[in-house]
Protein backbone atom coordinates (compact mmCIF):
# COMPACT_ATOMS: atom_id res chain seq x y z
CA MET A 1 -39.17 -37.89 2.98
CA SER A 2 -37.57 -41.33 2.72
CA PHE A 3 -35.08 -42.69 0.22
CA TYR A 4 -37.97 -44.14 -1.76
CA GLU A 5 -38.98 -40.62 -2.82
CA GLU A 6 -35.35 -39.80 -3.62
CA ILE A 7 -34.74 -42.83 -5.83
CA LYS A 8 -37.94 -42.11 -7.77
CA LYS A 9 -36.13 -39.11 -9.28
CA TYR A 10 -33.89 -41.56 -11.17
CA ASN A 11 -34.59 -43.95 -14.02
CA TRP A 12 -32.66 -47.23 -14.13
CA GLN A 13 -32.30 -47.26 -17.92
CA GLN A 14 -31.22 -43.64 -18.10
CA VAL A 15 -28.61 -44.16 -15.39
CA SER A 16 -27.33 -47.20 -17.27
CA GLU A 17 -27.01 -45.22 -20.49
CA GLN A 18 -25.19 -42.37 -18.72
CA LEU A 19 -22.78 -44.79 -17.11
CA TYR A 20 -21.92 -46.61 -20.33
CA ARG A 21 -21.29 -43.30 -22.12
CA LYS A 22 -18.45 -42.40 -19.75
CA THR A 23 -15.06 -41.91 -21.38
CA GLY A 24 -11.44 -42.11 -20.35
CA ALA A 25 -11.46 -38.33 -19.93
CA ASP A 26 -14.27 -38.65 -17.37
CA VAL A 27 -12.23 -41.20 -15.46
CA THR A 28 -9.12 -39.03 -15.54
CA ARG A 29 -11.06 -36.09 -14.11
CA ALA A 30 -12.48 -38.28 -11.35
CA LEU A 31 -9.03 -39.59 -10.42
CA ALA A 32 -7.68 -36.01 -10.17
CA ARG A 33 -10.29 -34.91 -7.65
CA ASP A 34 -10.08 -35.08 -3.89
CA LYS A 35 -13.86 -34.95 -3.40
CA LEU A 36 -15.84 -37.08 -5.85
CA THR A 37 -19.42 -36.61 -7.00
CA LEU A 38 -21.91 -39.30 -7.91
CA ASP A 39 -21.13 -38.51 -11.53
CA ASP A 40 -17.45 -39.24 -10.83
CA PHE A 41 -18.46 -42.52 -9.17
CA GLN A 42 -20.33 -43.47 -12.34
CA ALA A 43 -17.13 -42.92 -14.30
CA LEU A 44 -15.09 -45.09 -11.92
CA VAL A 45 -17.45 -48.08 -12.17
CA SER A 46 -17.91 -47.72 -15.93
CA PRO A 47 -16.15 -49.86 -18.56
CA ALA A 48 -14.09 -46.77 -19.41
CA ALA A 49 -12.31 -47.08 -16.05
CA GLU A 50 -10.99 -50.60 -16.64
CA PRO A 51 -7.66 -49.43 -18.18
CA PHE A 52 -7.13 -47.23 -15.09
CA LEU A 53 -7.45 -50.05 -12.57
CA GLU A 54 -3.85 -49.87 -11.37
CA GLN A 55 -4.13 -46.13 -10.70
CA MET A 56 -7.40 -46.67 -8.87
CA ALA A 57 -5.87 -49.42 -6.76
CA GLN A 58 -2.87 -47.33 -5.74
CA LYS A 59 -5.01 -44.35 -4.76
CA SER A 60 -7.42 -46.64 -2.91
CA ARG A 61 -4.53 -48.07 -0.93
CA GLN A 62 -3.25 -44.62 -0.01
CA LEU A 63 -6.65 -43.33 1.09
CA THR A 64 -7.38 -46.44 3.15
CA GLN A 65 -4.09 -46.24 5.03
CA LYS A 66 -4.56 -42.50 5.54
CA ARG A 67 -7.93 -43.00 7.26
CA PHE A 68 -7.69 -46.48 8.83
CA GLY A 69 -3.97 -47.15 9.05
CA LYS A 70 -2.66 -50.64 8.33
CA THR A 71 -5.38 -52.51 10.18
CA ILE A 72 -7.96 -55.19 9.41
CA GLN A 73 -10.88 -55.73 11.78
CA MET A 74 -11.97 -59.35 12.25
CA TYR A 75 -15.56 -60.53 12.66
CA ILE A 76 -17.51 -63.77 12.39
CA PRO A 77 -21.17 -64.60 11.68
CA LEU A 78 -23.22 -66.67 14.10
CA TYR A 79 -26.28 -68.11 12.37
CA LEU A 80 -29.10 -68.33 14.90
CA SER A 81 -31.66 -69.76 12.49
CA ASN A 82 -32.27 -70.90 8.91
CA ALA A 83 -36.06 -70.59 9.23
CA CYS A 84 -37.44 -68.18 6.64
CA THR A 85 -40.82 -67.12 5.26
CA ASN A 86 -39.41 -65.64 2.04
CA SER A 87 -38.84 -67.39 -1.28
CA CYS A 88 -35.76 -65.53 -2.56
CA VAL A 89 -34.68 -67.49 -5.63
CA TYR A 90 -30.94 -67.07 -4.96
CA CYS A 91 -30.87 -68.18 -1.30
CA GLY A 92 -30.46 -71.56 0.34
CA PHE A 93 -32.91 -70.50 3.05
CA ASN A 94 -35.71 -70.14 0.44
CA HIS A 95 -38.96 -71.17 2.12
CA SER A 96 -39.70 -73.49 -0.83
CA ASN A 97 -36.56 -75.57 -0.26
CA ARG A 98 -37.71 -78.71 1.54
CA PHE A 99 -35.23 -78.99 4.35
CA ALA A 100 -35.63 -79.22 8.11
CA ARG A 101 -35.27 -75.80 9.71
CA THR A 102 -33.33 -74.98 12.87
CA ILE A 103 -33.73 -72.24 15.47
CA LEU A 104 -31.02 -72.34 18.10
CA SER A 105 -31.99 -72.37 21.75
CA LEU A 106 -30.11 -70.24 24.27
CA GLU A 107 -28.09 -73.30 25.33
CA GLU A 108 -27.13 -73.97 21.71
CA VAL A 109 -26.17 -70.32 21.18
CA GLN A 110 -24.01 -70.52 24.29
CA ALA A 111 -22.24 -73.56 22.83
CA GLU A 112 -21.65 -71.69 19.57
CA ALA A 113 -20.36 -68.65 21.45
CA ARG A 114 -17.84 -70.70 23.40
CA LYS A 115 -16.37 -72.12 20.20
CA ILE A 116 -16.22 -68.65 18.60
CA LYS A 117 -14.51 -67.15 21.65
CA GLU A 118 -11.87 -69.88 21.47
CA LEU A 119 -11.06 -68.59 17.97
CA GLY A 120 -10.29 -65.13 19.36
CA PHE A 121 -13.25 -63.09 18.12
CA GLU A 122 -14.71 -60.10 19.98
CA HIS A 123 -16.96 -58.84 17.15
CA ILE A 124 -19.91 -61.07 16.28
CA LEU A 125 -22.58 -60.83 13.59
CA LEU A 126 -25.91 -62.51 14.38
CA VAL A 127 -27.72 -63.81 11.29
CA THR A 128 -31.15 -65.37 10.83
CA GLY A 129 -33.50 -66.17 8.02
CA GLU A 130 -36.43 -63.78 7.90
CA ASP A 131 -39.04 -65.24 10.24
CA ASP A 132 -40.29 -62.49 12.51
CA LYS A 133 -42.69 -64.74 14.44
CA ARG A 134 -40.18 -67.38 15.51
CA CYS A 135 -37.03 -65.21 15.40
CA GLY A 136 -38.45 -61.80 16.22
CA VAL A 137 -37.31 -58.97 18.46
CA ASP A 138 -37.89 -60.81 21.75
CA TYR A 139 -35.79 -63.79 20.60
CA LEU A 140 -33.03 -61.55 19.25
CA GLY A 141 -33.00 -59.43 22.39
CA GLN A 142 -32.68 -62.48 24.61
CA MET A 143 -29.73 -63.80 22.63
CA MET A 144 -28.04 -60.39 22.48
CA GLU A 145 -28.31 -59.80 26.22
CA TRP A 146 -26.52 -63.07 26.92
CA LEU A 147 -23.94 -62.65 24.16
CA HIS A 148 -23.10 -59.15 25.33
CA GLN A 149 -21.46 -60.74 28.35
CA SER A 150 -18.89 -62.35 26.04
CA PHE A 151 -18.52 -60.06 23.01
CA SER A 152 -17.63 -56.37 22.84
CA LEU A 153 -19.58 -55.64 19.63
CA ILE A 154 -22.80 -57.22 18.38
CA SER A 155 -24.20 -56.72 14.88
CA ILE A 156 -27.26 -58.24 13.25
CA GLU A 157 -28.35 -59.22 9.76
CA VAL A 158 -32.01 -60.17 10.11
CA GLN A 159 -35.44 -59.21 8.71
CA PRO A 160 -36.27 -55.48 8.49
CA LEU A 161 -37.74 -54.18 11.74
CA LYS A 162 -39.71 -51.16 12.89
CA THR A 163 -38.02 -48.07 14.31
CA LEU A 164 -39.14 -48.81 17.88
CA GLU A 165 -37.92 -52.40 17.57
CA TYR A 166 -34.48 -51.18 16.53
CA GLN A 167 -34.48 -48.80 19.48
CA GLN A 168 -35.34 -51.69 21.78
CA LEU A 169 -32.46 -53.79 20.46
CA LYS A 170 -30.12 -50.82 20.65
CA ASN A 171 -30.91 -50.60 24.37
CA GLN A 172 -30.04 -54.29 24.63
CA GLY A 173 -26.57 -53.82 23.14
CA LEU A 174 -27.05 -53.61 19.36
CA HIS A 175 -24.22 -51.78 17.58
CA THR A 176 -24.59 -52.36 13.82
CA VAL A 177 -27.31 -53.49 11.43
CA TYR A 178 -26.56 -54.86 7.96
CA ILE A 179 -29.45 -54.59 5.52
CA TYR A 180 -28.90 -55.35 1.84
CA GLN A 181 -31.39 -54.19 -0.76
CA GLU A 182 -30.13 -57.02 -3.03
CA THR A 183 -31.06 -54.95 -6.11
CA TYR A 184 -32.31 -51.40 -6.55
CA ASN A 185 -34.02 -52.31 -9.81
CA GLU A 186 -37.63 -52.06 -8.66
CA ALA A 187 -38.99 -53.35 -11.98
CA ASN A 188 -37.16 -56.68 -11.57
CA TYR A 189 -37.09 -56.89 -7.76
CA LYS A 190 -40.19 -59.07 -7.58
CA ASN A 191 -38.61 -61.64 -9.93
CA TYR A 192 -36.05 -62.46 -7.25
CA HIS A 193 -38.42 -62.09 -4.27
CA PRO A 194 -41.73 -63.54 -5.45
CA SER A 195 -43.32 -64.04 -2.02
CA GLY A 196 -42.84 -63.31 1.65
CA ARG A 197 -42.34 -60.02 3.43
CA LYS A 198 -39.12 -59.40 1.56
CA SER A 199 -41.11 -59.03 -1.67
CA ASN A 200 -42.12 -55.55 -0.44
CA TYR A 201 -39.48 -53.45 -2.23
CA ARG A 202 -40.36 -50.17 -0.57
CA TYR A 203 -40.47 -51.50 2.99
CA ARG A 204 -37.01 -52.98 2.60
CA LEU A 205 -35.66 -49.88 0.89
CA GLU A 206 -36.80 -47.65 3.73
CA THR A 207 -35.20 -49.82 6.44
CA PRO A 208 -32.01 -47.70 6.67
CA ASP A 209 -34.25 -44.66 7.22
CA ARG A 210 -35.80 -46.43 10.20
CA LEU A 211 -32.33 -47.34 11.45
CA GLY A 212 -31.23 -43.72 11.19
CA GLN A 213 -34.32 -42.60 13.08
CA ALA A 214 -33.60 -45.19 15.77
CA GLY A 215 -30.06 -43.86 16.21
CA VAL A 216 -28.31 -47.17 15.49
CA HIS A 217 -24.55 -46.65 15.63
CA LYS A 218 -23.65 -48.12 12.23
CA ILE A 219 -25.57 -49.16 9.11
CA GLY A 220 -24.21 -51.63 6.56
CA LEU A 221 -25.40 -51.44 2.95
CA GLY A 222 -24.83 -53.48 -0.19
CA CYS A 223 -26.39 -55.18 -3.19
CA LEU A 224 -26.13 -58.82 -4.22
CA LEU A 225 -23.65 -58.90 -7.08
CA GLY A 226 -24.93 -61.05 -9.91
CA LEU A 227 -28.65 -60.27 -9.88
CA GLU A 228 -28.57 -57.14 -12.05
CA ASP A 229 -25.86 -55.10 -13.78
CA TRP A 230 -23.39 -54.55 -10.94
CA ARG A 231 -22.31 -51.17 -12.30
CA VAL A 232 -25.82 -49.72 -12.21
CA ASP A 233 -26.81 -51.34 -8.93
CA SER A 234 -23.64 -50.00 -7.33
CA PHE A 235 -24.45 -46.48 -8.48
CA PHE A 236 -27.78 -46.68 -6.69
CA THR A 237 -26.04 -48.05 -3.60
CA ALA A 238 -23.74 -45.01 -3.69
CA LEU A 239 -26.79 -42.77 -4.13
CA HIS A 240 -28.39 -44.42 -1.08
CA LEU A 241 -25.22 -43.95 0.95
CA SER A 242 -24.99 -40.26 0.03
CA TYR A 243 -28.60 -39.68 0.99
CA LEU A 244 -28.15 -41.40 4.38
CA GLU A 245 -24.92 -39.60 5.23
CA LYS A 246 -26.59 -36.23 4.68
CA LYS A 247 -29.76 -37.08 6.59
CA TYR A 248 -28.34 -39.22 9.41
CA TRP A 249 -24.93 -37.64 9.70
CA GLN A 250 -24.20 -38.97 13.19
CA THR A 251 -24.37 -42.58 11.97
CA LYS A 252 -21.39 -44.54 10.62
CA TYR A 253 -21.65 -46.58 7.42
CA SER A 254 -20.12 -49.66 5.87
CA LEU A 255 -20.42 -51.53 2.60
CA SER A 256 -20.17 -55.21 1.76
CA PHE A 257 -19.69 -56.86 -1.61
CA PRO A 258 -21.52 -60.21 -1.63
CA ARG A 259 -21.18 -62.10 -4.90
CA LEU A 260 -23.59 -64.94 -5.50
CA ARG A 261 -22.28 -68.28 -4.25
CA PRO A 262 -23.49 -71.89 -4.65
CA HIS A 263 -26.54 -72.70 -2.49
CA ALA A 264 -29.45 -75.11 -2.20
CA GLY A 265 -31.51 -74.36 -5.31
CA THR A 266 -31.11 -73.93 -9.06
CA PHE A 267 -30.74 -70.17 -9.54
CA THR A 268 -27.69 -69.02 -11.50
CA PRO A 269 -26.42 -65.41 -11.64
CA ARG A 270 -27.84 -63.33 -14.49
CA TYR A 271 -24.74 -61.15 -14.64
CA HIS A 272 -21.16 -62.31 -14.30
CA VAL A 273 -19.06 -60.31 -11.86
CA SER A 274 -15.38 -61.16 -12.23
CA GLN A 275 -12.69 -60.65 -9.62
CA ARG A 276 -11.35 -57.79 -11.72
CA ASN A 277 -14.81 -56.21 -11.66
CA LEU A 278 -14.86 -56.56 -7.88
CA VAL A 279 -11.46 -54.89 -7.54
CA GLN A 280 -12.73 -51.98 -9.64
CA LEU A 281 -15.86 -51.68 -7.53
CA ILE A 282 -14.08 -51.74 -4.16
CA CYS A 283 -11.53 -49.16 -5.29
CA ALA A 284 -14.27 -46.94 -6.74
CA TYR A 285 -16.08 -46.88 -3.40
CA ARG A 286 -12.87 -46.06 -1.53
CA LEU A 287 -12.12 -43.14 -3.86
CA PHE A 288 -15.72 -41.98 -3.54
CA ASN A 289 -15.72 -42.07 0.27
CA GLU A 290 -12.50 -42.48 2.25
CA GLN A 291 -14.41 -42.66 5.57
CA LEU A 292 -16.39 -45.73 4.52
CA GLU A 293 -15.73 -49.11 6.12
CA LEU A 294 -15.45 -51.85 3.48
CA SER A 295 -15.95 -55.52 4.30
CA LEU A 296 -14.77 -58.55 2.33
CA SER A 297 -16.27 -61.85 3.42
CA THR A 298 -15.40 -65.53 3.09
CA ARG A 299 -17.56 -65.66 -0.06
CA GLU A 300 -14.29 -64.83 -1.84
CA GLU A 301 -11.41 -67.23 -2.37
CA PRO A 302 -8.24 -67.03 -0.19
CA ARG A 303 -5.87 -65.78 -2.89
CA PHE A 304 -8.19 -62.95 -3.89
CA ARG A 305 -8.74 -61.83 -0.31
CA ASP A 306 -5.01 -61.86 0.34
CA HIS A 307 -4.47 -59.74 -2.78
CA MET A 308 -7.17 -57.25 -1.75
CA LEU A 309 -5.81 -56.88 1.77
CA LYS A 310 -3.91 -53.68 0.95
CA LEU A 311 -6.30 -52.18 -1.58
CA GLY A 312 -9.29 -50.92 0.38
CA PRO A 313 -11.09 -53.38 2.69
CA THR A 314 -11.09 -52.60 6.41
CA SER A 315 -12.71 -55.75 7.78
CA PHE A 316 -12.56 -59.48 7.05
CA SER A 317 -14.73 -62.33 8.22
CA ALA A 318 -12.92 -65.58 8.97
CA GLY A 319 -13.78 -69.15 9.84
CA SER A 320 -17.38 -68.53 8.80
CA LYS A 321 -20.12 -71.14 9.05
CA THR A 322 -23.39 -70.23 7.32
CA ASN A 323 -25.60 -72.76 9.08
CA PRO A 324 -27.02 -72.78 12.62
CA GLY A 325 -24.84 -74.79 14.99
CA GLY A 326 -21.98 -74.95 12.51
CA TYR A 327 -19.25 -74.13 15.04
CA SER A 328 -20.25 -76.65 17.69
CA GLY A 329 -20.98 -79.64 15.50
CA GLY A 330 -24.27 -78.94 13.73
CA SER A 331 -22.83 -79.66 10.30
CA ASN A 332 -26.03 -81.22 8.95
CA THR A 333 -28.21 -78.11 9.17
CA LEU A 334 -29.13 -76.15 6.04
CA GLU A 335 -26.52 -73.51 5.11
CA GLN A 336 -27.32 -70.22 3.40
CA PHE A 337 -24.47 -70.49 0.89
CA ALA A 338 -21.10 -72.19 0.51
CA VAL A 339 -18.09 -70.22 1.76
CA HIS A 340 -15.01 -69.98 -0.48
CA ASP A 341 -12.31 -69.10 2.06
CA ASP A 342 -12.45 -71.85 4.67
CA ARG A 343 -9.06 -71.20 6.25
CA PRO A 344 -8.97 -71.13 10.06
CA PRO A 345 -9.06 -67.61 11.55
CA ALA A 346 -5.55 -68.02 12.96
CA GLU A 347 -4.20 -68.69 9.47
CA ILE A 348 -5.93 -65.65 8.01
CA ALA A 349 -4.66 -63.51 10.90
CA HIS A 350 -1.13 -64.77 10.27
CA THR A 351 -1.37 -63.79 6.60
CA ILE A 352 -2.59 -60.32 7.55
CA ARG A 353 0.38 -59.84 9.87
CA GLN A 354 2.81 -61.15 7.27
CA ASN A 355 1.64 -58.34 5.01
CA GLY A 356 2.53 -55.77 7.65
CA TYR A 357 -1.00 -55.17 8.90
CA GLU A 358 -2.39 -55.28 12.42
CA VAL A 359 -5.20 -57.72 13.20
CA VAL A 360 -7.92 -55.99 15.21
CA TRP A 361 -10.07 -58.37 17.23
CA LYS A 362 -11.59 -55.67 19.39
CA ASP A 363 -11.97 -51.92 18.98
CA TRP A 364 -15.25 -51.20 20.76
CA ASP A 365 -16.72 -51.45 24.24
CA GLN A 366 -20.34 -50.58 24.88
CA ILE A 367 -21.72 -49.83 28.31
CA MET A 368 -25.18 -51.29 28.67
CA GLN A 369 -27.88 -48.87 29.78
CA MET A 370 -29.69 -50.60 32.65
């Protein structure tokens, strides 16, 4: 059984109604518990929890320091390509956007890697548009094998792959895969993904199952905040996480919180997600699962990220460029979205240290199986 069968047991509208019926008493009970249920999570992301935000934040801070200490792991994305066969309405890489597309050669990736290494990074996230013919497993494997000589941890955020393909990349040094469902609302999913392979809701939804079967070390989940009601979508993300942790218990998990950002195109978010909403969501996840790694990217503005430093996140991106070749001078290539925190990594690291936290550039070494 995959998660697709599990999620079919739930109805989006019914979950929404349950969530919006939560009361302050439900929130109080959730805050008093050491081990939270999915019902408790519903209470913590409900409107009823908004007056309890300070209590949630304090408990989130305590739990994060208990499990992770006062540390923030640093990572950076390297965009290998902006070629894409999908037409996601919210993305700058939308196949319908008439821009020249770029796929970096090995020499160009090497140039990008040199610039990134100069910034101090040891953890790198490889990102592409979804074009499995031009940026498929062979291309990714070639880039990973070279990059593994320079970086201690390699993650990817690319098109969904088959189990055997993930196993192949794992043997070539893959550590983590980030795969975002964008929205768990199957009825509306096609509205945002009208064509391309990504329009297949079920295939994308079952990708973490394939990752678990492949034995990938860590899986990153998330939904795109602004497409649907963030409270309901986040419940289904928590449901997905719970399912995966039970079935693939040897795998580690992380969550990201991407809010829609300006991009090439005309789509505007259907649902507003405020910074206060985002604080509530991050704290709710920490209270729900104190083992979970939580990532806050450069989509968010500097002041907000600095404020959130002590309240739950365990990893920050920094110095991010969302276009291929962006670090070594390719400023004219199409970017996926506009970053909000454009401070240099050294400045962000300095701010982290000023707040009494340790900056972690490297915490993993992987021995390649030859």
